[in-house]
Amino acid sequence: MKRLVLGAIGAVLVGGAAGAAAPAQAQETPVLITGATILTAAEPFKIENGAVLFEDGRIRAAGPADEVDAPANATVIDGQGMFVTPGIVDAHSHIASDATNEGSVSVSSMVSIKDVIDPTDISIYREAAGGTTTSHVMHGSANPIGGQNAVIKHRWGSDAAGMLMDAPPTIKFALGENPKRSNSNTIPGVPQRYPATRMGVMDVIRQAFTDAAEYRARWEAYEELVARGDRSAIPPRRDLRLDPLVGVLNGEILVHAHSYRADEILQLMRVAEEFGFRIHVFQHVLEGYRVADEMREHGASASTFSDWWAYKVEAYEAIPHNAAIMTRRGILVSINSDSSEEGRHLNQEAAKTMKWGGLTEEEALATVTINPAVQLGIDDRVGSLEAGKDADVVLWENYPLSSFAKVRTTWVDGEVVFDVDADMAMRAERETEKQRLREMLGEAEADEAESDETGAARLRGGRGPGNRSEERAGI
């Protein structure tokens, strides 16, 4: 009996996981949110008594409520006293991944996070409950040149392929303490993996792109022979490590570089310029305020934390005004999470830029919506409430740039991925089911205990029920 009950509990858990892997459904009916304050992250930024209409997974209209008409079959939501924003976009995340670092080599450009997306990671749902609808899932920072990243939609209930978003490819670079393995334990007698210094990190990157440039030249020479009709031309051997780096040289793959200190930011820009490419986004970039002009001239943008500082040695010079200073110097800035916990309240992280540096509410909201969308090359689909874009929409019970903000409903592609009422009902249902299973388990344990006691009594020749010697003795 006990085994059967434990099996039932396992079935509940497995059933939940299996449900999470089912394919996502397309939006079935149009939705109109009306009477709310709309913060579009576009022009106009704020619409009082506004409305948002989305249908077939796309935003159809966002404007004054009296100018947006609902189709006859639409679900109409009264948004009086509430706020609507675009879904939050996280430019630096590590959720939904079975692996983060391929740290065994200095250059791991051949690996891809796309191969290890885990659609059952509960962080996908929890972040959707905080308004996050798109995440840039990145390789870790153990390597000077890391792996390729992936952009996912928080389509909770989809499989891995269904979560992946068609976005420009990106690759992770890393500078500083992490790629030089400052805190890694080495095996006695075994040398630490190269590089062990910042100059070694730059050497690894420079050598990798020297190899990539030569590799590209060999392919170009081969293709020229083929174009001339030389049927004896032999193609170079494919190198899966160098192919992505050629993509970087050709401007086809965007570089996102983990960085902290101003000196290493300048160093990497110099190396990139040697080889004719640019760093698309400096991630973390906690000393970006010191080199903002140089970053702007290089053409880099920044994805940083709101107020993290002094948590490790290379963050010693970080300041909470970093995002605001870079914004004022003309840098496109986003606020990222780098954390499944912080990814649940990026709205509050954005709000801190209003306190630390005086950004306007429009600038602050942009750091977690349209700005990261631009950095990821997906601003034609997400990041603002504009007609034709994906229906990634968040309904807030109160002002979203507030510590009291709470999400009521989150939609991804027009489908509900989080609803507070449904969530509370589901929690209550699960508690009821767990209590039922506890009671079943308790009864089973009681039955088993009685059975064990009876068996022991029989072995002792005691008074256990069914003891034949007792019956014969007339006891």
Protein backbone atom coordinates (compact mmCIF):
# COMPACT_ATOMS: atom_id res chain seq x y z
CA MET A 1 0.00 0.00 0.00
CA LYS A 2 2.81 2.40 0.88
CA ARG A 3 4.49 1.84 -2.49
CA LEU A 4 1.25 2.60 -4.30
CA VAL A 5 0.84 5.90 -2.47
CA LEU A 6 4.43 6.95 -3.17
CA GLY A 7 3.83 6.02 -6.79
CA ALA A 8 0.79 8.29 -6.83
CA ILE A 9 2.86 11.18 -5.48
CA GLY A 10 5.49 10.53 -8.15
CA ALA A 11 2.77 10.51 -10.80
CA VAL A 12 1.61 13.96 -9.66
CA LEU A 13 5.17 15.32 -9.93
CA VAL A 14 5.94 13.63 -13.24
CA GLY A 15 2.59 14.68 -14.63
CA GLY A 16 3.41 18.30 -13.83
CA ALA A 17 6.74 18.05 -15.62
CA ALA A 18 5.17 16.37 -18.61
CA GLY A 19 2.56 19.10 -18.80
CA ALA A 20 5.28 21.72 -18.85
CA ALA A 21 6.80 20.14 -21.96
CA ALA A 22 3.59 20.20 -24.00
CA PRO A 23 3.57 22.49 -27.04
CA ALA A 24 2.28 26.02 -26.53
CA GLN A 25 -1.13 26.93 -27.96
CA ALA A 26 -1.86 29.81 -30.30
CA GLN A 27 -4.02 32.67 -29.03
CA GLU A 28 -7.64 31.60 -29.48
CA THR A 29 -9.62 34.79 -28.88
CA PRO A 30 -8.81 38.51 -29.09
CA VAL A 31 -8.10 40.31 -25.80
CA LEU A 32 -8.88 43.95 -25.04
CA ILE A 33 -7.53 45.59 -21.89
CA THR A 34 -9.36 48.87 -21.44
CA GLY A 35 -9.38 51.75 -18.96
CA ALA A 36 -5.79 51.17 -17.80
CA THR A 37 -2.76 53.45 -17.87
CA ILE A 38 -0.65 52.27 -20.80
CA LEU A 39 3.14 52.68 -20.64
CA THR A 40 4.08 51.85 -24.21
CA ALA A 41 7.90 52.25 -24.16
CA ALA A 42 7.28 54.04 -27.47
CA GLU A 43 5.59 57.28 -28.55
CA PRO A 44 3.43 58.39 -26.88
CA PHE A 45 4.93 56.87 -23.75
CA LYS A 46 1.95 57.20 -21.40
CA ILE A 47 -1.73 56.87 -22.30
CA GLU A 48 -4.20 57.56 -19.50
CA ASN A 49 -7.49 55.67 -19.78
CA GLY A 50 -5.92 53.66 -22.56
CA ALA A 51 -6.54 50.33 -24.22
CA VAL A 52 -4.48 47.54 -25.75
CA LEU A 53 -5.96 45.08 -28.21
CA PHE A 54 -4.13 41.91 -29.25
CA GLU A 55 -5.23 39.11 -31.52
CA ASP A 56 -3.57 36.07 -33.12
CA GLY A 57 -0.48 36.70 -31.00
CA ARG A 58 0.03 40.26 -32.28
CA ILE A 59 -0.73 43.69 -30.91
CA ARG A 60 -3.45 45.25 -33.05
CA ALA A 61 -3.75 48.62 -31.33
CA ALA A 62 -2.57 50.62 -28.31
CA GLY A 63 -4.16 53.99 -27.70
CA PRO A 64 -6.93 55.93 -25.95
CA ALA A 65 -9.76 53.63 -24.87
CA ASP A 66 -12.35 55.47 -26.96
CA GLU A 67 -10.28 54.89 -30.09
CA VAL A 68 -9.75 51.13 -29.75
CA ASP A 69 -12.72 48.96 -30.65
CA ALA A 70 -12.98 45.33 -29.60
CA PRO A 71 -14.09 42.56 -31.96
CA ALA A 72 -17.40 40.95 -31.01
CA ASN A 73 -15.68 37.80 -29.72
CA ALA A 74 -13.00 39.58 -27.68
CA THR A 75 -12.30 38.95 -24.01
CA VAL A 76 -12.60 42.39 -22.41
CA ILE A 77 -10.59 43.11 -19.26
CA ASP A 78 -11.44 46.14 -17.14
CA GLY A 79 -8.08 47.73 -16.37
CA GLN A 80 -9.34 50.61 -14.25
CA GLY A 81 -6.64 51.58 -11.74
CA MET A 82 -4.11 49.21 -13.33
CA PHE A 83 -1.13 49.62 -15.66
CA VAL A 84 -0.07 47.87 -18.86
CA THR A 85 3.52 47.58 -20.11
CA PRO A 86 5.39 45.58 -22.71
CA GLY A 87 6.84 42.31 -21.51
CA ILE A 88 10.20 42.76 -19.80
CA VAL A 89 13.29 41.72 -21.77
CA ASP A 90 16.29 40.39 -19.82
CA ALA A 91 19.53 40.89 -21.74
CA HIS A 92 21.59 38.61 -19.49
CA SER A 93 20.14 35.44 -18.00
CA HIS A 94 21.18 31.89 -17.16
CA ILE A 95 17.77 30.31 -16.59
CA ALA A 96 16.31 27.36 -18.51
CA SER A 97 19.70 25.81 -19.19
CA ASP A 98 21.15 22.41 -18.28
CA ALA A 99 24.66 23.84 -18.56
CA THR A 100 26.32 27.23 -18.29
CA ASN A 101 30.09 26.93 -18.66
CA GLU A 102 32.17 24.69 -20.89
CA GLY A 103 35.14 25.71 -18.83
CA SER A 104 37.59 23.01 -19.86
CA VAL A 105 39.06 25.10 -22.70
CA SER A 106 39.90 28.77 -23.19
CA VAL A 107 37.86 29.07 -26.40
CA SER A 108 34.50 27.29 -26.48
CA SER A 109 32.88 29.07 -29.42
CA MET A 110 31.74 25.72 -30.86
CA VAL A 111 29.19 25.04 -28.11
CA SER A 112 25.69 26.50 -27.96
CA ILE A 113 23.21 27.10 -25.17
CA LYS A 114 20.47 26.25 -27.68
CA ASP A 115 21.43 22.59 -27.28
CA VAL A 116 20.67 22.53 -23.55
CA ILE A 117 17.50 24.61 -23.10
CA ASP A 118 15.41 23.13 -20.29
CA PRO A 119 11.73 24.04 -20.76
CA THR A 120 10.80 22.61 -17.34
CA ASP A 121 12.91 25.06 -15.34
CA ILE A 122 10.45 26.66 -12.91
CA SER A 123 12.34 29.97 -13.23
CA ILE A 124 10.66 30.44 -16.61
CA TYR A 125 7.29 30.58 -14.88
CA ARG A 126 8.47 32.54 -11.86
CA GLU A 127 10.05 35.24 -13.99
CA ALA A 128 6.89 35.45 -16.09
CA ALA A 129 5.10 36.09 -12.79
CA GLY A 130 7.33 39.15 -12.47
CA GLY A 131 6.62 40.36 -15.98
CA THR A 132 9.65 38.95 -17.82
CA THR A 133 8.69 37.51 -21.20
CA THR A 134 11.99 37.29 -23.10
CA SER A 135 15.44 36.25 -21.87
CA HIS A 136 18.89 36.18 -23.43
CA VAL A 137 20.21 32.89 -22.03
CA MET A 138 23.97 33.17 -22.05
CA HIS A 139 26.99 30.92 -21.82
CA GLY A 140 29.01 31.50 -18.67
CA SER A 141 32.13 33.60 -18.20
CA ALA A 142 34.74 30.90 -17.61
CA ASN A 143 36.36 31.44 -21.02
CA PRO A 144 37.84 34.48 -22.78
CA ILE A 145 35.70 33.33 -25.73
CA GLY A 146 32.70 31.39 -24.57
CA GLY A 147 29.82 29.66 -26.28
CA GLN A 148 26.91 30.84 -28.37
CA ASN A 149 23.83 32.14 -26.57
CA ALA A 150 20.08 31.75 -27.09
CA VAL A 151 17.07 34.06 -26.89
CA ILE A 152 13.95 32.46 -25.46
CA LYS A 153 10.34 33.49 -24.97
CA HIS A 154 8.82 32.53 -21.62
CA ARG A 155 6.27 30.28 -23.31
CA TRP A 156 5.68 28.18 -20.18
CA GLY A 157 4.20 24.89 -21.31
CA SER A 158 6.15 24.76 -24.56
CA ASP A 159 8.99 22.42 -25.42
CA ALA A 160 12.57 23.67 -25.89
CA ALA A 161 12.18 24.30 -29.61
CA GLY A 162 8.98 26.23 -28.97
CA MET A 163 10.74 28.55 -26.54
CA LEU A 164 13.58 29.52 -28.84
CA MET A 165 13.13 32.86 -30.56
CA ASP A 166 14.39 33.63 -34.03
CA ALA A 167 16.96 36.28 -33.14
CA PRO A 168 20.37 37.42 -34.42
CA PRO A 169 23.06 35.03 -33.13
CA THR A 170 25.22 36.17 -30.23
CA ILE A 171 28.37 34.86 -28.57
CA LYS A 172 29.76 35.37 -25.07
CA PHE A 173 33.20 36.83 -24.36
CA ALA A 174 34.56 37.35 -20.84
CA LEU A 175 37.22 39.50 -19.20
CA GLY A 176 38.68 39.76 -15.73
CA GLU A 177 38.70 37.39 -12.78
CA ASN A 178 36.40 34.72 -14.21
CA PRO A 179 38.22 33.72 -17.43
CA LYS A 180 41.62 33.85 -15.72
CA ARG A 181 40.15 31.42 -13.17
CA SER A 182 41.21 33.42 -10.12
CA ASN A 183 39.16 31.37 -7.67
CA SER A 184 39.38 27.92 -9.24
CA ASN A 185 41.05 25.10 -7.34
CA THR A 186 43.92 23.43 -9.15
CA ILE A 187 45.06 19.84 -8.77
CA PRO A 188 48.48 19.63 -7.10
CA GLY A 189 51.13 19.18 -9.75
CA VAL A 190 48.76 20.11 -12.60
CA PRO A 191 49.21 23.62 -14.01
CA GLN A 192 46.23 25.96 -14.12
CA ARG A 193 44.52 26.25 -17.50
CA TYR A 194 45.80 29.17 -19.57
CA PRO A 195 45.18 32.11 -19.23
CA ALA A 196 45.94 33.09 -15.67
CA THR A 197 46.28 36.86 -16.18
CA ARG A 198 44.43 39.65 -17.97
CA MET A 199 47.18 39.88 -20.58
CA GLY A 200 46.73 36.16 -21.17
CA VAL A 201 43.01 36.70 -21.73
CA MET A 202 43.79 39.26 -24.43
CA ASP A 203 46.33 36.92 -26.01
CA VAL A 204 43.75 34.12 -26.22
CA ILE A 205 41.28 36.43 -27.97
CA ARG A 206 43.90 37.87 -30.32
CA GLN A 207 45.24 34.42 -31.27
CA ALA A 208 41.74 33.05 -31.83
CA PHE A 209 40.91 35.83 -34.27
CA THR A 210 44.27 35.51 -35.99
CA ASP A 211 43.37 31.87 -36.62
CA ALA A 212 39.84 32.83 -37.69
CA ALA A 213 41.10 35.43 -40.17
CA GLU A 214 43.48 32.89 -41.73
CA TYR A 215 40.69 30.29 -41.82
CA ARG A 216 38.39 32.76 -43.57
CA ALA A 217 41.11 33.59 -46.09
CA ARG A 218 41.51 29.89 -46.96
CA TRP A 219 37.78 29.57 -47.57
CA GLU A 220 37.70 32.74 -49.64
CA ALA A 221 40.56 31.42 -51.78
CA TYR A 222 38.72 28.14 -52.28
CA GLU A 223 35.47 29.88 -53.20
CA GLU A 224 37.33 32.04 -55.71
CA LEU A 225 38.74 28.92 -57.38
CA VAL A 226 35.27 27.38 -57.53
CA ALA A 227 33.88 30.58 -59.05
CA ARG A 228 36.54 30.34 -61.77
CA GLY A 229 35.41 26.83 -62.57
CA ASP A 230 38.39 25.02 -61.04
CA ARG A 231 36.89 21.57 -60.46
CA SER A 232 40.05 20.33 -58.75
CA ALA A 233 39.76 22.81 -55.87
CA ILE A 234 39.72 21.14 -52.45
CA PRO A 235 37.74 22.86 -49.68
CA PRO A 236 39.48 23.61 -46.39
CA ARG A 237 38.63 21.38 -43.48
CA ARG A 238 35.67 22.69 -41.48
CA ASP A 239 36.53 24.00 -38.01
CA LEU A 240 33.47 24.34 -35.78
CA ARG A 241 35.48 26.39 -33.32
CA LEU A 242 36.47 28.98 -35.92
CA ASP A 243 33.21 29.14 -37.88
CA PRO A 244 31.49 31.34 -35.25
CA LEU A 245 34.54 33.60 -35.03
CA VAL A 246 34.41 34.13 -38.78
CA GLY A 247 30.77 35.05 -38.21
CA VAL A 248 31.98 37.70 -35.75
CA LEU A 249 34.52 39.03 -38.26
CA ASN A 250 31.79 39.22 -40.90
CA GLY A 251 29.41 41.05 -38.56
CA GLU A 252 26.95 38.14 -38.56
CA ILE A 253 27.34 37.17 -34.89
CA LEU A 254 27.06 39.81 -32.16
CA VAL A 255 29.60 39.88 -29.31
CA HIS A 256 28.35 40.28 -25.73
CA ALA A 257 31.34 40.66 -23.40
CA HIS A 258 31.34 40.09 -19.64
CA SER A 259 33.39 42.95 -18.19
CA TYR A 260 33.96 45.01 -15.07
CA ARG A 261 37.04 47.24 -15.11
CA ALA A 262 37.62 50.24 -17.34
CA ASP A 263 41.10 49.11 -18.41
CA GLU A 264 39.91 45.72 -19.68
CA ILE A 265 36.98 47.34 -21.51
CA LEU A 266 39.45 49.56 -23.38
CA GLN A 267 41.75 46.60 -24.05
CA LEU A 268 39.00 44.51 -25.63
CA MET A 269 37.82 47.37 -27.83
CA ARG A 270 41.38 47.81 -29.10
CA VAL A 271 41.70 44.10 -29.92
CA ALA A 272 38.33 44.10 -31.67
CA GLU A 273 39.31 47.11 -33.75
CA GLU A 274 42.54 45.36 -34.75
CA PHE A 275 40.43 42.70 -36.46
CA GLY A 276 37.71 44.98 -37.80
CA PHE A 277 34.76 44.05 -35.61
CA ARG A 278 33.08 45.71 -32.65
CA ILE A 279 31.84 44.68 -29.25
CA HIS A 280 28.09 44.92 -29.55
CA VAL A 281 27.24 44.90 -25.82
CA PHE A 282 29.43 45.09 -22.73
CA GLN A 283 27.69 43.04 -20.05
CA HIS A 284 27.88 44.16 -16.38
CA VAL A 285 30.37 46.89 -17.39
CA LEU A 286 30.47 48.25 -13.83
CA GLU A 287 33.15 50.82 -14.65
CA GLY A 288 31.47 51.87 -17.87
CA TYR A 289 30.90 55.32 -16.42
CA ARG A 290 34.67 55.88 -16.69
CA VAL A 291 34.95 55.02 -20.38
CA ALA A 292 31.49 55.89 -21.72
CA ASP A 293 32.84 58.24 -24.38
CA GLU A 294 35.22 55.60 -25.71
CA MET A 295 32.44 53.02 -25.72
CA ARG A 296 30.16 55.36 -27.65
CA GLU A 297 32.88 56.03 -30.21
CA HIS A 298 33.48 52.29 -30.59
CA GLY A 299 29.74 51.70 -31.09
CA ALA A 300 29.17 49.55 -28.00
CA SER A 301 26.13 49.54 -25.75
CA ALA A 302 25.91 48.49 -22.10
CA SER A 303 23.86 46.02 -20.06
CA THR A 304 24.52 46.54 -16.39
CA PHE A 305 23.22 46.04 -12.87
CA SER A 306 21.19 48.67 -11.08
CA ASP A 307 23.13 48.87 -7.82
CA TRP A 308 25.53 45.98 -7.34
CA TRP A 309 28.93 46.92 -5.99
CA ALA A 310 31.73 45.68 -3.71
CA TYR A 311 30.66 42.03 -3.96
CA LYS A 312 34.04 41.02 -5.40
CA VAL A 313 37.39 42.66 -5.96
CA GLU A 314 36.80 43.79 -9.55
CA ALA A 315 33.51 45.40 -8.52
CA TYR A 316 35.25 47.64 -5.99
CA GLU A 317 34.89 50.80 -8.11
CA ALA A 318 31.28 50.15 -9.13
CA ILE A 319 28.73 52.88 -8.40
CA PRO A 320 24.91 52.85 -8.49
CA HIS A 321 24.91 55.88 -10.81
CA ASN A 322 26.59 53.87 -13.59
CA ALA A 323 23.48 53.30 -15.72
CA ALA A 324 22.42 56.94 -15.53
CA ILE A 325 25.88 58.30 -16.34
CA MET A 326 26.27 56.04 -19.37
CA THR A 327 22.77 56.99 -20.54
CA ARG A 328 23.64 60.69 -20.28
CA ARG A 329 26.84 60.06 -22.28
CA GLY A 330 24.82 58.63 -25.16
CA ILE A 331 25.16 54.90 -24.46
CA LEU A 332 22.19 52.60 -25.00
CA VAL A 333 21.78 51.02 -21.55
CA SER A 334 19.79 48.06 -20.30
CA ILE A 335 19.43 46.63 -16.79
CA ASN A 336 19.88 42.85 -16.60
CA SER A 337 19.42 40.19 -13.96
CA ASP A 338 22.19 37.57 -14.32
CA SER A 339 20.02 35.82 -11.73
CA SER A 340 16.81 33.82 -11.67
CA GLU A 341 15.82 35.73 -8.54
CA GLU A 342 16.48 39.21 -9.91
CA GLY A 343 14.76 38.25 -13.14
CA ARG A 344 11.51 38.18 -11.14
CA HIS A 345 11.61 41.91 -10.34
CA LEU A 346 13.53 43.70 -13.08
CA ASN A 347 10.87 46.40 -12.98
CA GLN A 348 12.16 47.38 -9.54
CA GLU A 349 15.76 47.23 -10.72
CA ALA A 350 14.84 49.64 -13.51
CA ALA A 351 13.13 51.93 -11.01
CA LYS A 352 16.40 52.26 -9.07
CA THR A 353 17.87 54.20 -11.99
CA MET A 354 15.35 56.94 -11.19
CA LYS A 355 16.70 57.12 -7.64
CA TRP A 356 20.36 56.64 -8.57
CA GLY A 357 20.97 59.21 -11.29
CA GLY A 358 17.56 60.71 -11.93
CA LEU A 359 16.44 58.92 -15.08
CA THR A 360 12.89 59.69 -16.14
CA GLU A 361 10.23 56.98 -15.90
CA GLU A 362 10.38 56.63 -19.68
CA GLU A 363 14.16 56.14 -19.61
CA ALA A 364 13.91 53.76 -16.66
CA LEU A 365 11.27 51.51 -18.22
CA ALA A 366 13.25 51.48 -21.47
CA THR A 367 16.19 49.83 -19.67
CA VAL A 368 14.18 46.61 -19.29
CA THR A 369 12.01 46.77 -22.41
CA ILE A 370 12.96 48.46 -25.67
CA ASN A 371 16.68 48.98 -24.93
CA PRO A 372 17.53 45.30 -24.36
CA ALA A 373 15.32 44.43 -27.33
CA VAL A 374 17.48 46.71 -29.50
CA GLN A 375 20.66 45.16 -28.07
CA LEU A 376 19.39 41.69 -29.01
CA GLY A 377 18.22 42.77 -32.46
CA ILE A 378 14.59 41.85 -31.73
CA ASP A 379 13.08 45.32 -31.29
CA ASP A 380 10.95 44.78 -34.41
CA ARG A 381 9.03 42.16 -32.41
CA VAL A 382 9.24 42.95 -28.69
CA GLY A 383 10.09 45.72 -26.24
CA SER A 384 7.19 48.12 -26.81
CA LEU A 385 3.42 48.17 -27.20
CA GLU A 386 3.06 48.97 -30.89
CA ALA A 387 0.77 47.57 -33.55
CA GLY A 388 2.26 44.58 -35.32
CA LYS A 389 4.61 43.52 -32.53
CA ASP A 390 4.32 40.28 -30.57
CA ALA A 391 1.60 40.36 -27.93
CA ASP A 392 4.00 40.15 -24.99
CA VAL A 393 1.95 42.17 -22.52
CA VAL A 394 1.94 42.64 -18.74
CA LEU A 395 -1.01 43.87 -16.66
CA TRP A 396 0.11 45.34 -13.32
CA GLU A 397 -2.15 45.91 -10.34
CA ASN A 398 -0.30 49.14 -9.56
CA TYR A 399 2.50 51.39 -10.83
CA PRO A 400 5.18 49.07 -12.25
CA LEU A 401 8.15 51.26 -11.26
CA SER A 402 7.29 50.82 -7.60
CA SER A 403 8.41 48.45 -4.87
CA PHE A 404 4.72 47.63 -4.40
CA ALA A 405 4.17 46.61 -8.02
CA LYS A 406 2.52 43.25 -8.57
CA VAL A 407 1.74 41.49 -11.82
CA ARG A 408 -1.86 40.42 -12.36
CA THR A 409 -1.47 38.74 -15.76
CA THR A 410 1.36 38.11 -18.22
CA TRP A 411 0.79 37.20 -21.86
CA VAL A 412 3.39 35.85 -24.29
CA ASP A 413 2.33 35.88 -27.94
CA GLY A 414 -1.19 36.59 -26.71
CA GLU A 415 -1.36 33.51 -24.49
CA VAL A 416 -1.59 33.73 -20.71
CA VAL A 417 1.58 32.37 -19.10
CA PHE A 418 0.82 33.75 -15.64
CA ASP A 419 -2.36 34.90 -13.95
CA VAL A 420 -2.45 35.63 -10.24
CA ASP A 421 -5.98 34.29 -9.71
CA ALA A 422 -5.26 31.09 -11.63
CA ASP A 423 -1.99 30.70 -9.73
CA MET A 424 -3.69 31.02 -6.34
CA ALA A 425 -6.40 28.56 -7.38
CA MET A 426 -3.74 26.10 -8.55
CA ARG A 427 -1.88 26.42 -5.25
CA ALA A 428 -5.06 25.71 -3.30
CA GLU A 429 -5.83 22.70 -5.50
CA ARG A 430 -2.34 21.32 -4.99
CA GLU A 431 -2.56 21.77 -1.22
CA THR A 432 -5.84 19.84 -1.23
CA GLU A 433 -4.28 17.05 -3.29
CA LYS A 434 -1.18 16.93 -1.09
CA GLN A 435 -3.35 16.68 2.01
CA ARG A 436 -5.29 13.81 0.45
CA LEU A 437 -2.04 12.00 -0.32
CA ARG A 438 -0.74 12.65 3.21
CA GLU A 439 -3.88 11.08 4.63
CA MET A 440 -3.53 8.09 2.30
CA LEU A 441 0.11 7.77 3.27
CA GLY A 442 -0.78 7.98 6.97
CA GLU A 443 -3.38 5.22 6.64
CA ALA A 444 -0.91 3.08 4.71
CA GLU A 445 1.77 3.55 7.36
CA ALA A 446 -0.74 2.66 10.10
CA ASP A 447 -1.74 -0.51 8.24
CA GLU A 448 1.90 -1.41 7.71
CA ALA A 449 2.74 -0.81 11.38
CA GLU A 450 -0.14 -3.07 12.46
CA SER A 451 0.99 -5.73 10.02
CA ASP A 452 4.56 -5.53 11.32
CA GLU A 453 3.36 -5.81 14.92
CA THR A 454 1.25 -8.87 14.08
CA GLY A 455 4.15 -10.55 12.33
CA ALA A 456 6.47 -9.91 15.25
CA ALA A 457 3.92 -11.34 17.67
CA ARG A 458 3.63 -14.50 15.60
CA LEU A 459 7.39 -14.95 15.64
CA ARG A 460 7.37 -14.61 19.42
CA GLY A 461 4.41 -16.99 19.72
CA GLY A 462 2.56 -14.11 21.33
CA ARG A 463 -0.99 -12.83 21.16
CA GLY A 464 -1.05 -11.52 17.63
CA PRO A 465 -4.40 -11.88 15.84
CA GLY A 466 -4.84 -15.21 14.11
CA ASN A 467 -2.45 -17.05 16.45
CA ARG A 468 -3.59 -20.70 16.27
CA SER A 469 -1.89 -21.73 19.52
CA GLU A 470 -3.91 -19.10 21.38
CA GLU A 471 -7.14 -20.42 19.86
CA ARG A 472 -6.33 -24.03 20.81
CA ALA A 473 -5.49 -22.99 24.35
CA GLY A 474 -8.85 -21.27 24.65
CA ILE A 475 -7.17 -17.98 25.54
